[in-house]
Amino acid sequence: MKANKFDEAFDDNQEDILEHLDLSKAKRPLQSQRRVNVDFPSWMIDSLDREASRIGVTRQSIIKVWLAERLESQESKHHHES
């Protein structure tokens, strides 16, 4: 499928475009993973688990989202100060 037809199908919801993609080769830019270990107090783990359960995500997901939000906020704050 040519790019213009693909764009049109996507924009118009004419068909499921996923069948035209090779997702095994998909990559997210700047999203390489590195493992870190962090120790949290028990009360914090319990709170994280409750909130993660409430919104239907894993503990790891909520930690990543909250850290990303904070880092983006800090970056934006420092950018405006410059």
C-alpha atoms as a PDB file:
ATOM      1  CA  MET A   1       0.000   0.000   0.000  1.00  0.00           C
ATOM      2  CA  LYS A   2       1.363   3.399  -0.944  1.00  0.00           C
ATOM      3  CA  ALA A   3       1.827   6.036   1.746  1.00  0.00           C
ATOM      4  CA  ASN A   4      -0.954   8.309   0.500  1.00  0.00           C
ATOM      5  CA  LYS A   5      -3.458   5.417   0.482  1.00  0.00           C
ATOM      6  CA  PHE A   6      -2.283   4.365   3.939  1.00  0.00           C
ATOM      7  CA  ASP A   7      -2.746   7.930   5.246  1.00  0.00           C
ATOM      8  CA  GLU A   8      -6.183   8.119   3.677  1.00  0.00           C
ATOM      9  CA  ALA A   9      -7.239   4.783   5.188  1.00  0.00           C
ATOM     10  CA  PHE A  10      -5.991   5.937   8.589  1.00  0.00           C
ATOM     11  CA  ASP A  11      -7.653   9.348   8.396  1.00  0.00           C
ATOM     12  CA  ASP A  12     -10.986   7.999   7.169  1.00  0.00           C
ATOM     13  CA  ASN A  13     -11.038   4.840   9.332  1.00  0.00           C
ATOM     14  CA  GLN A  14     -11.772   2.958   6.125  1.00  0.00           C
ATOM     15  CA  GLU A  15     -10.051  -0.211   7.239  1.00  0.00           C
ATOM     16  CA  ASP A  16      -7.843  -1.743   9.884  1.00  0.00           C
ATOM     17  CA  ILE A  17      -4.411  -0.401   8.948  1.00  0.00           C
ATOM     18  CA  LEU A  18      -2.590  -2.717  11.362  1.00  0.00           C
ATOM     19  CA  GLU A  19      -2.706  -5.507   8.785  1.00  0.00           C
ATOM     20  CA  HIS A  20      -0.380  -3.366   6.646  1.00  0.00           C
ATOM     21  CA  LEU A  21       2.252  -2.970   9.362  1.00  0.00           C
ATOM     22  CA  ASP A  22       5.047  -5.300  10.477  1.00  0.00           C
ATOM     23  CA  LEU A  23       4.806  -4.709  14.222  1.00  0.00           C
ATOM     24  CA  SER A  24       7.695  -7.088  14.940  1.00  0.00           C
ATOM     25  CA  LYS A  25      10.018  -4.367  13.671  1.00  0.00           C
ATOM     26  CA  ALA A  26       8.258  -1.441  15.365  1.00  0.00           C
ATOM     27  CA  LYS A  27      10.362   0.682  17.683  1.00  0.00           C
ATOM     28  CA  ARG A  28       9.590   3.664  19.847  1.00  0.00           C
ATOM     29  CA  PRO A  29      12.211   6.396  19.476  1.00  0.00           C
ATOM     30  CA  LEU A  30      14.047   7.273  22.675  1.00  0.00           C
ATOM     31  CA  GLN A  31      12.333   4.409  24.476  1.00  0.00           C
ATOM     32  CA  SER A  32      15.194   1.959  24.985  1.00  0.00           C
ATOM     33  CA  GLN A  33      14.848   0.200  28.305  1.00  0.00           C
ATOM     34  CA  ARG A  34      17.312   0.012  31.185  1.00  0.00           C
ATOM     35  CA  ARG A  35      16.609  -1.892  34.355  1.00  0.00           C
ATOM     36  CA  VAL A  36      16.974  -0.208  37.746  1.00  0.00           C
ATOM     37  CA  ASN A  37      16.201  -1.439  41.234  1.00  0.00           C
ATOM     38  CA  VAL A  38      14.553   0.915  43.686  1.00  0.00           C
ATOM     39  CA  ASP A  39      13.659   0.161  47.286  1.00  0.00           C
ATOM     40  CA  PHE A  40      10.382   1.663  48.515  1.00  0.00           C
ATOM     41  CA  PRO A  41       8.917   1.636  52.019  1.00  0.00           C
ATOM     42  CA  SER A  42       6.030  -0.807  52.454  1.00  0.00           C
ATOM     43  CA  TRP A  43       3.443   1.959  52.883  1.00  0.00           C
ATOM     44  CA  MET A  44       4.461   3.383  49.500  1.00  0.00           C
ATOM     45  CA  ILE A  45       4.142   0.012  47.762  1.00  0.00           C
ATOM     46  CA  ASP A  46       0.705  -0.451  49.319  1.00  0.00           C
ATOM     47  CA  SER A  47      -0.385   2.989  48.111  1.00  0.00           C
ATOM     48  CA  LEU A  48       1.002   2.370  44.641  1.00  0.00           C
ATOM     49  CA  ASP A  49      -0.791  -0.981  44.453  1.00  0.00           C
ATOM     50  CA  ARG A  50      -4.109   0.528  45.540  1.00  0.00           C
ATOM     51  CA  GLU A  51      -3.895   3.323  42.973  1.00  0.00           C
ATOM     52  CA  ALA A  52      -2.731   0.974  40.222  1.00  0.00           C
ATOM     53  CA  SER A  53      -5.617  -1.379  40.984  1.00  0.00           C
ATOM     54  CA  ARG A  54      -8.089   1.504  41.063  1.00  0.00           C
ATOM     55  CA  ILE A  55      -7.172   2.608  37.537  1.00  0.00           C
ATOM     56  CA  GLY A  56      -6.490  -0.894  36.200  1.00  0.00           C
ATOM     57  CA  VAL A  57      -2.763  -0.796  35.509  1.00  0.00           C
ATOM     58  CA  THR A  58       0.320  -2.472  36.938  1.00  0.00           C
ATOM     59  CA  ARG A  59       2.470  -1.014  39.687  1.00  0.00           C
ATOM     60  CA  GLN A  60       5.315  -0.607  37.198  1.00  0.00           C
ATOM     61  CA  SER A  61       3.073   1.294  34.795  1.00  0.00           C
ATOM     62  CA  ILE A  62       1.891   3.777  37.376  1.00  0.00           C
ATOM     63  CA  ILE A  63       5.457   4.386  38.574  1.00  0.00           C
ATOM     64  CA  LYS A  64       6.601   5.032  35.001  1.00  0.00           C
ATOM     65  CA  VAL A  65       3.702   7.377  34.238  1.00  0.00           C
ATOM     66  CA  TRP A  66       4.092   9.372  37.438  1.00  0.00           C
ATOM     67  CA  LEU A  67       7.854   9.680  37.014  1.00  0.00           C
ATOM     68  CA  ALA A  68       7.456  10.722  33.375  1.00  0.00           C
ATOM     69  CA  GLU A  69       4.869  13.359  34.340  1.00  0.00           C
ATOM     70  CA  ARG A  70       7.149  14.758  37.034  1.00  0.00           C
ATOM     71  CA  LEU A  71      10.211  14.784  34.790  1.00  0.00           C
ATOM     72  CA  GLU A  72       8.284  16.515  31.987  1.00  0.00           C
ATOM     73  CA  SER A  73       6.984  19.067  34.483  1.00  0.00           C
ATOM     74  CA  GLN A  74      10.489  19.739  35.792  1.00  0.00           C
ATOM     75  CA  GLU A  75      11.872  20.021  32.274  1.00  0.00           C
ATOM     76  CA  SER A  76       9.134  22.453  31.315  1.00  0.00           C
ATOM     77  CA  LYS A  77       9.736  24.474  34.485  1.00  0.00           C
ATOM     78  CA  HIS A  78      13.485  24.686  33.840  1.00  0.00           C
ATOM     79  CA  HIS A  79      12.899  25.535  30.177  1.00  0.00           C
ATOM     80  CA  HIS A  80      10.688  28.493  31.148  1.00  0.00           C
ATOM     81  CA  GLU A  81      13.298  29.738  33.629  1.00  0.00           C
ATOM     82  CA  SER A  82      15.994  29.867  30.944  1.00  0.00           C
END
